[in-house]
Amino acid sequence: MDEADVLGDRIGIMVNGKLVCLGSSLFLKKKFGYGYNLTIVKTDKDDDTVDGRVRPFMIQHLGENVQKQSEIAREITY
């Protein structure tokens, strides 16, 4: 998306060969949101302490808006 911001006035998003959305980067960010995803891979899928250690660290350094999106097997996504 960063490259599209710099290089284009309008951005088209295609899914399965069909154009599903067209607009400026500001329009797309307002419509679909923006931010970053961080996926952490645990060394042990049964280690339940990772979230308890990582989330406070991220809140301290990134702010209160850090949210856990999913936790599946060995991966946690914030």
PDB file of N, CA and C in Angstrom:
ATOM      1  N   MET A   1       0.822  -1.187   0.000  1.00  0.00           N
ATOM      2  CA  MET A   1       0.000   0.000   0.000  1.00  0.00           C
ATOM      3  C   MET A   1       0.870   1.257   0.000  1.00  0.00           C
ATOM      4  N   ASP A   2       2.025   1.204   0.638  1.00  0.00           N
ATOM      5  CA  ASP A   2       2.901   2.375   0.673  1.00  0.00           C
ATOM      6  C   ASP A   2       3.377   2.755  -0.721  1.00  0.00           C
ATOM      7  N   GLU A   3       3.737   1.741  -1.523  1.00  0.00           N
ATOM      8  CA  GLU A   3       4.174   2.017  -2.888  1.00  0.00           C
ATOM      9  C   GLU A   3       3.036   2.619  -3.700  1.00  0.00           C
ATOM     10  N   ALA A   4       1.820   2.118  -3.501  1.00  0.00           N
ATOM     11  CA  ALA A   4       0.662   2.639  -4.226  1.00  0.00           C
ATOM     12  C   ALA A   4       0.380   4.085  -3.824  1.00  0.00           C
ATOM     13  N   ASP A   5       0.593   4.422  -2.544  1.00  0.00           N
ATOM     14  CA  ASP A   5       0.420   5.808  -2.092  1.00  0.00           C
ATOM     15  C   ASP A   5       1.306   6.758  -2.872  1.00  0.00           C
ATOM     16  N   VAL A   6       2.537   6.356  -3.081  1.00  0.00           N
ATOM     17  CA  VAL A   6       3.518   7.216  -3.730  1.00  0.00           C
ATOM     18  C   VAL A   6       3.307   7.258  -5.242  1.00  0.00           C
ATOM     19  N   LEU A   7       3.016   6.124  -5.844  1.00  0.00           N
ATOM     20  CA  LEU A   7       3.018   6.028  -7.301  1.00  0.00           C
ATOM     21  C   LEU A   7       1.680   6.303  -7.979  1.00  0.00           C
ATOM     22  N   GLY A   8       0.581   6.165  -7.275  1.00  0.00           N
ATOM     23  CA  GLY A   8      -0.700   6.281  -7.970  1.00  0.00           C
ATOM     24  C   GLY A   8      -1.684   7.210  -7.292  1.00  0.00           C
ATOM     25  N   ASP A   9      -2.544   7.837  -8.115  1.00  0.00           N
ATOM     26  CA  ASP A   9      -3.616   8.674  -7.588  1.00  0.00           C
ATOM     27  C   ASP A   9      -4.811   7.823  -7.174  1.00  0.00           C
ATOM     28  N   ARG A  10      -5.021   6.749  -7.922  1.00  0.00           N
ATOM     29  CA  ARG A  10      -6.125   5.837  -7.625  1.00  0.00           C
ATOM     30  C   ARG A  10      -5.583   4.423  -7.563  1.00  0.00           C
ATOM     31  N   ILE A  11      -6.139   3.645  -6.669  1.00  0.00           N
ATOM     32  CA  ILE A  11      -5.683   2.284  -6.450  1.00  0.00           C
ATOM     33  C   ILE A  11      -6.847   1.338  -6.711  1.00  0.00           C
ATOM     34  N   GLY A  12      -6.590   0.295  -7.471  1.00  0.00           N
ATOM     35  CA  GLY A  12      -7.596  -0.736  -7.715  1.00  0.00           C
ATOM     36  C   GLY A  12      -7.201  -2.013  -7.006  1.00  0.00           C
ATOM     37  N   ILE A  13      -8.166  -2.659  -6.380  1.00  0.00           N
ATOM     38  CA  ILE A  13      -7.908  -3.923  -5.694  1.00  0.00           C
ATOM     39  C   ILE A  13      -8.665  -5.020  -6.438  1.00  0.00           C
ATOM     40  N   MET A  14      -7.917  -6.044  -6.854  1.00  0.00           N
ATOM     41  CA  MET A  14      -8.514  -7.155  -7.590  1.00  0.00           C
ATOM     42  C   MET A  14      -8.504  -8.416  -6.729  1.00  0.00           C
ATOM     43  N   VAL A  15      -9.599  -9.173  -6.803  1.00  0.00           N
ATOM     44  CA  VAL A  15      -9.703 -10.456  -6.127  1.00  0.00           C
ATOM     45  C   VAL A  15     -10.222 -11.463  -7.140  1.00  0.00           C
ATOM     46  N   ASN A  16      -9.477 -12.543  -7.307  1.00  0.00           N
ATOM     47  CA  ASN A  16      -9.848 -13.586  -8.268  1.00  0.00           C
ATOM     48  C   ASN A  16     -10.105 -13.017  -9.668  1.00  0.00           C
ATOM     49  N   GLY A  17      -9.286 -12.056 -10.081  1.00  0.00           N
ATOM     50  CA  GLY A  17      -9.395 -11.499 -11.423  1.00  0.00           C
ATOM     51  C   GLY A  17     -10.486 -10.471 -11.611  1.00  0.00           C
ATOM     52  N   LYS A  18     -11.173 -10.079 -10.542  1.00  0.00           N
ATOM     53  CA  LYS A  18     -12.251  -9.088 -10.653  1.00  0.00           C
ATOM     54  C   LYS A  18     -11.904  -7.859  -9.829  1.00  0.00           C
ATOM     55  N   LEU A  19     -12.179  -6.692 -10.384  1.00  0.00           N
ATOM     56  CA  LEU A  19     -11.962  -5.439  -9.680  1.00  0.00           C
ATOM     57  C   LEU A  19     -13.043  -5.297  -8.607  1.00  0.00           C
ATOM     58  N   VAL A  20     -12.632  -5.238  -7.335  1.00  0.00           N
ATOM     59  CA  VAL A  20     -13.611  -5.176  -6.250  1.00  0.00           C
ATOM     60  C   VAL A  20     -13.673  -3.808  -5.585  1.00  0.00           C
ATOM     61  N   CYS A  21     -12.641  -2.991  -5.771  1.00  0.00           N
ATOM     62  CA  CYS A  21     -12.654  -1.664  -5.163  1.00  0.00           C
ATOM     63  C   CYS A  21     -11.691  -0.760  -5.926  1.00  0.00           C
ATOM     64  N   LEU A  22     -12.067   0.498  -6.073  1.00  0.00           N
ATOM     65  CA  LEU A  22     -11.241   1.478  -6.770  1.00  0.00           C
ATOM     66  C   LEU A  22     -11.399   2.808  -6.063  1.00  0.00           C
ATOM     67  N   GLY A  23     -10.277   3.457  -5.749  1.00  0.00           N
ATOM     68  CA  GLY A  23     -10.351   4.754  -5.096  1.00  0.00           C
ATOM     69  C   GLY A  23      -8.979   5.253  -4.713  1.00  0.00           C
ATOM     70  N   SER A  24      -8.962   6.421  -4.083  1.00  0.00           N
ATOM     71  CA  SER A  24      -7.694   6.985  -3.609  1.00  0.00           C
ATOM     72  C   SER A  24      -7.229   6.220  -2.376  1.00  0.00           C
ATOM     73  N   SER A  25      -5.960   6.372  -2.038  1.00  0.00           N
ATOM     74  CA  SER A  25      -5.444   5.671  -0.860  1.00  0.00           C
ATOM     75  C   SER A  25      -6.167   6.133   0.403  1.00  0.00           C
ATOM     76  N   LEU A  26      -6.521   7.408   0.494  1.00  0.00           N
ATOM     77  CA  LEU A  26      -7.246   7.909   1.658  1.00  0.00           C
ATOM     78  C   LEU A  26      -8.627   7.256   1.771  1.00  0.00           C
ATOM     79  N   PHE A  27      -9.327   7.136   0.629  1.00  0.00           N
ATOM     80  CA  PHE A  27     -10.635   6.481   0.613  1.00  0.00           C
ATOM     81  C   PHE A  27     -10.516   5.032   1.081  1.00  0.00           C
ATOM     82  N   LEU A  28      -9.527   4.300   0.548  1.00  0.00           N
ATOM     83  CA  LEU A  28      -9.361   2.890   0.901  1.00  0.00           C
ATOM     84  C   LEU A  28      -8.986   2.711   2.371  1.00  0.00           C
ATOM     85  N   LYS A  29      -8.136   3.594   2.891  1.00  0.00           N
ATOM     86  CA  LYS A  29      -7.754   3.500   4.300  1.00  0.00           C
ATOM     87  C   LYS A  29      -8.948   3.774   5.214  1.00  0.00           C
ATOM     88  N   LYS A  30      -9.787   4.739   4.836  1.00  0.00           N
ATOM     89  CA  LYS A  30     -10.982   5.023   5.645  1.00  0.00           C
ATOM     90  C   LYS A  30     -11.973   3.868   5.590  1.00  0.00           C
ATOM     91  N   LYS A  31     -12.110   3.270   4.414  1.00  0.00           N
ATOM     92  CA  LYS A  31     -13.088   2.198   4.238  1.00  0.00           C
ATOM     93  C   LYS A  31     -12.650   0.891   4.880  1.00  0.00           C
ATOM     94  N   PHE A  32     -11.373   0.534   4.719  1.00  0.00           N
ATOM     95  CA  PHE A  32     -10.900  -0.767   5.167  1.00  0.00           C
ATOM     96  C   PHE A  32      -9.981  -0.712   6.375  1.00  0.00           C
ATOM     97  N   GLY A  33      -9.681   0.467   6.870  1.00  0.00           N
ATOM     98  CA  GLY A  33      -8.801   0.582   8.027  1.00  0.00           C
ATOM     99  C   GLY A  33      -7.343   0.527   7.621  1.00  0.00           C
ATOM    100  N   TYR A  34      -6.497   0.836   8.541  1.00  0.00           N
ATOM    101  CA  TYR A  34      -5.071   0.777   8.282  1.00  0.00           C
ATOM    102  C   TYR A  34      -4.358   0.544   9.591  1.00  0.00           C
ATOM    103  N   GLY A  35      -3.140   0.135   9.508  1.00  0.00           N
ATOM    104  CA  GLY A  35      -2.346  -0.179  10.684  1.00  0.00           C
ATOM    105  C   GLY A  35      -1.367  -1.288  10.344  1.00  0.00           C
ATOM    106  N   TYR A  36      -0.877  -1.923  11.355  1.00  0.00           N
ATOM    107  CA  TYR A  36       0.118  -2.966  11.174  1.00  0.00           C
ATOM    108  C   TYR A  36      -0.345  -4.234  11.863  1.00  0.00           C
ATOM    109  N   ASN A  37       0.048  -5.354  11.317  1.00  0.00           N
ATOM    110  CA  ASN A  37      -0.174  -6.649  11.947  1.00  0.00           C
ATOM    111  C   ASN A  37       1.177  -7.228  12.307  1.00  0.00           C
ATOM    112  N   LEU A  38       1.259  -7.777  13.508  1.00  0.00           N
ATOM    113  CA  LEU A  38       2.472  -8.446  13.957  1.00  0.00           C
ATOM    114  C   LEU A  38       2.090  -9.874  14.305  1.00  0.00           C
ATOM    115  N   THR A  39       2.721 -10.831  13.647  1.00  0.00           N
ATOM    116  CA  THR A  39       2.462 -12.236  13.932  1.00  0.00           C
ATOM    117  C   THR A  39       3.679 -12.818  14.627  1.00  0.00           C
ATOM    118  N   ILE A  40       3.435 -13.400  15.797  1.00  0.00           N
ATOM    119  CA  ILE A  40       4.496 -13.999  16.593  1.00  0.00           C
ATOM    120  C   ILE A  40       4.308 -15.507  16.537  1.00  0.00           C
ATOM    121  N   VAL A  41       5.395 -16.227  16.261  1.00  0.00           N
ATOM    122  CA  VAL A  41       5.347 -17.683  16.235  1.00  0.00           C
ATOM    123  C   VAL A  41       5.983 -18.199  17.520  1.00  0.00           C
ATOM    124  N   LYS A  42       5.192 -18.939  18.287  1.00  0.00           N
ATOM    125  CA  LYS A  42       5.681 -19.505  19.553  1.00  0.00           C
ATOM    126  C   LYS A  42       6.516 -20.747  19.270  1.00  0.00           C
ATOM    127  N   THR A  43       7.516 -20.985  20.101  1.00  0.00           N
ATOM    128  CA  THR A  43       8.334 -22.187  19.948  1.00  0.00           C
ATOM    129  C   THR A  43       7.593 -23.421  20.434  1.00  0.00           C
ATOM    130  N   ASP A  44       6.672 -23.231  21.363  1.00  0.00           N
ATOM    131  CA  ASP A  44       5.887 -24.338  21.891  1.00  0.00           C
ATOM    132  C   ASP A  44       4.416 -23.962  21.825  1.00  0.00           C
ATOM    133  N   LYS A  45       3.606 -24.729  21.106  1.00  0.00           N
ATOM    134  CA  LYS A  45       2.201 -24.363  20.927  1.00  0.00           C
ATOM    135  C   LYS A  45       1.415 -24.362  22.235  1.00  0.00           C
ATOM    136  N   ASP A  46       1.916 -25.042  23.258  1.00  0.00           N
ATOM    137  CA  ASP A  46       1.223 -25.095  24.546  1.00  0.00           C
ATOM    138  C   ASP A  46       1.684 -24.014  25.518  1.00  0.00           C
ATOM    139  N   ASP A  47       2.584 -23.130  25.084  1.00  0.00           N
ATOM    140  CA  ASP A  47       3.089 -22.054  25.946  1.00  0.00           C
ATOM    141  C   ASP A  47       2.067 -20.927  26.003  1.00  0.00           C
ATOM    142  N   ASP A  48       1.283 -20.890  27.073  1.00  0.00           N
ATOM    143  CA  ASP A  48       0.245 -19.863  27.230  1.00  0.00           C
ATOM    144  C   ASP A  48       0.773 -18.576  27.860  1.00  0.00           C
ATOM    145  N   THR A  49       2.043 -18.521  28.218  1.00  0.00           N
ATOM    146  CA  THR A  49       2.587 -17.335  28.865  1.00  0.00           C
ATOM    147  C   THR A  49       3.082 -16.291  27.880  1.00  0.00           C
ATOM    148  N   VAL A  50       3.180 -16.622  26.603  1.00  0.00           N
ATOM    149  CA  VAL A  50       3.716 -15.684  25.605  1.00  0.00           C
ATOM    150  C   VAL A  50       2.864 -14.427  25.543  1.00  0.00           C
ATOM    151  N   ASP A  51       1.535 -14.573  25.445  1.00  0.00           N
ATOM    152  CA  ASP A  51       0.653 -13.411  25.365  1.00  0.00           C
ATOM    153  C   ASP A  51       0.790 -12.541  26.612  1.00  0.00           C
ATOM    154  N   GLY A  52       0.931 -13.149  27.762  1.00  0.00           N
ATOM    155  CA  GLY A  52       1.079 -12.396  29.014  1.00  0.00           C
ATOM    156  C   GLY A  52       2.371 -11.605  29.094  1.00  0.00           C
ATOM    157  N   ARG A  53       3.384 -12.013  28.348  1.00  0.00           N
ATOM    158  CA  ARG A  53       4.653 -11.280  28.337  1.00  0.00           C
ATOM    159  C   ARG A  53       4.731 -10.284  27.191  1.00  0.00           C
ATOM    160  N   VAL A  54       4.216 -10.653  26.026  1.00  0.00           N
ATOM    161  CA  VAL A  54       4.363  -9.832  24.824  1.00  0.00           C
ATOM    162  C   VAL A  54       3.413  -8.645  24.833  1.00  0.00           C
ATOM    163  N   ARG A  55       2.145  -8.865  25.170  1.00  0.00           N
ATOM    164  CA  ARG A  55       1.150  -7.788  25.096  1.00  0.00           C
ATOM    165  C   ARG A  55       1.503  -6.587  25.980  1.00  0.00           C
ATOM    166  N   PRO A  56       1.884  -6.788  27.258  1.00  0.00           N
ATOM    167  CA  PRO A  56       2.286  -5.616  28.065  1.00  0.00           C
ATOM    168  C   PRO A  56       3.486  -4.875  27.481  1.00  0.00           C
ATOM    169  N   PHE A  57       4.444  -5.612  26.917  1.00  0.00           N
ATOM    170  CA  PHE A  57       5.606  -4.987  26.289  1.00  0.00           C
ATOM    171  C   PHE A  57       5.176  -4.113  25.114  1.00  0.00           C
ATOM    172  N   MET A  58       4.290  -4.635  24.278  1.00  0.00           N
ATOM    173  CA  MET A  58       3.843  -3.870  23.116  1.00  0.00           C
ATOM    174  C   MET A  58       3.023  -2.656  23.533  1.00  0.00           C
ATOM    175  N   ILE A  59       2.171  -2.789  24.531  1.00  0.00           N
ATOM    176  CA  ILE A  59       1.391  -1.642  25.005  1.00  0.00           C
ATOM    177  C   ILE A  59       2.308  -0.564  25.543  1.00  0.00           C
ATOM    178  N   GLN A  60       3.339  -0.969  26.268  1.00  0.00           N
ATOM    179  CA  GLN A  60       4.289   0.003  26.829  1.00  0.00           C
ATOM    180  C   GLN A  60       5.012   0.770  25.719  1.00  0.00           C
ATOM    181  N   HIS A  61       5.361   0.090  24.638  1.00  0.00           N
ATOM    182  CA  HIS A  61       6.146   0.724  23.585  1.00  0.00           C
ATOM    183  C   HIS A  61       5.324   1.277  22.426  1.00  0.00           C
ATOM    184  N   LEU A  62       4.103   0.749  22.218  1.00  0.00           N
ATOM    185  CA  LEU A  62       3.306   1.173  21.072  1.00  0.00           C
ATOM    186  C   LEU A  62       2.020   1.893  21.441  1.00  0.00           C
ATOM    187  N   GLY A  63       1.581   1.779  22.667  1.00  0.00           N
ATOM    188  CA  GLY A  63       0.367   2.460  23.088  1.00  0.00           C
ATOM    189  C   GLY A  63      -0.772   1.493  23.381  1.00  0.00           C
ATOM    190  N   GLU A  64      -1.860   2.048  23.863  1.00  0.00           N
ATOM    191  CA  GLU A  64      -3.000   1.256  24.324  1.00  0.00           C
ATOM    192  C   GLU A  64      -3.819   0.619  23.200  1.00  0.00           C
ATOM    193  N   ASN A  65      -3.597   0.994  21.952  1.00  0.00           N
ATOM    194  CA  ASN A  65      -4.417   0.489  20.847  1.00  0.00           C
ATOM    195  C   ASN A  65      -4.014  -0.895  20.360  1.00  0.00           C
ATOM    196  N   VAL A  66      -3.063  -1.536  21.020  1.00  0.00           N
ATOM    197  CA  VAL A  66      -2.632  -2.875  20.620  1.00  0.00           C
ATOM    198  C   VAL A  66      -3.747  -3.865  20.958  1.00  0.00           C
ATOM    199  N   GLN A  67      -4.153  -4.652  19.955  1.00  0.00           N
ATOM    200  CA  GLN A  67      -5.221  -5.631  20.158  1.00  0.00           C
ATOM    201  C   GLN A  67      -4.795  -6.982  19.600  1.00  0.00           C
ATOM    202  N   LYS A  68      -5.117  -8.037  20.319  1.00  0.00           N
ATOM    203  CA  LYS A  68      -4.850  -9.378  19.804  1.00  0.00           C
ATOM    204  C   LYS A  68      -5.966  -9.723  18.829  1.00  0.00           C
ATOM    205  N   GLN A  69      -5.602 -10.055  17.593  1.00  0.00           N
ATOM    206  CA  GLN A  69      -6.586 -10.385  16.569  1.00  0.00           C
ATOM    207  C   GLN A  69      -6.903 -11.868  16.553  1.00  0.00           C
ATOM    208  N   SER A  70      -5.879 -12.705  16.707  1.00  0.00           N
ATOM    209  CA  SER A  70      -6.132 -14.142  16.696  1.00  0.00           C
ATOM    210  C   SER A  70      -4.990 -14.883  17.367  1.00  0.00           C
ATOM    211  N   GLU A  71      -5.305 -16.087  17.804  1.00  0.00           N
ATOM    212  CA  GLU A  71      -4.291 -17.004  18.337  1.00  0.00           C
ATOM    213  C   GLU A  71      -4.663 -18.394  17.859  1.00  0.00           C
ATOM    214  N   ILE A  72      -3.883 -18.883  16.916  1.00  0.00           N
ATOM    215  CA  ILE A  72      -4.158 -20.185  16.317  1.00  0.00           C
ATOM    216  C   ILE A  72      -2.892 -21.016  16.393  1.00  0.00           C
ATOM    217  N   ALA A  73      -2.987 -22.146  17.055  1.00  0.00           N
ATOM    218  CA  ALA A  73      -1.861 -23.075  17.226  1.00  0.00           C
ATOM    219  C   ALA A  73      -0.647 -22.339  17.782  1.00  0.00           C
ATOM    220  N   ARG A  74       0.394 -22.169  16.964  1.00  0.00           N
ATOM    221  CA  ARG A  74       1.620 -21.538  17.446  1.00  0.00           C
ATOM    222  C   ARG A  74       1.740 -20.068  17.069  1.00  0.00           C
ATOM    223  N   GLU A  75       0.720 -19.467  16.470  1.00  0.00           N
ATOM    224  CA  GLU A  75       0.808 -18.086  16.001  1.00  0.00           C
ATOM    225  C   GLU A  75      -0.161 -17.179  16.754  1.00  0.00           C
ATOM    226  N   ILE A  76       0.344 -16.030  17.192  1.00  0.00           N
ATOM    227  CA  ILE A  76      -0.489 -14.974  17.776  1.00  0.00           C
ATOM    228  C   ILE A  76      -0.341 -13.756  16.885  1.00  0.00           C
ATOM    229  N   THR A  77      -1.456 -13.172  16.484  1.00  0.00           N
ATOM    230  CA  THR A  77      -1.432 -11.973  15.637  1.00  0.00           C
ATOM    231  C   THR A  77      -2.025 -10.802  16.411  1.00  0.00           C
ATOM    232  N   TYR A  78      -1.267  -9.697  16.464  1.00  0.00           N
ATOM    233  CA  TYR A  78      -1.706  -8.461  17.103  1.00  0.00           C
ATOM    234  C   TYR A  78      -1.937  -7.411  16.046  1.00  0.00           C
TER     235      TYR A  78
END
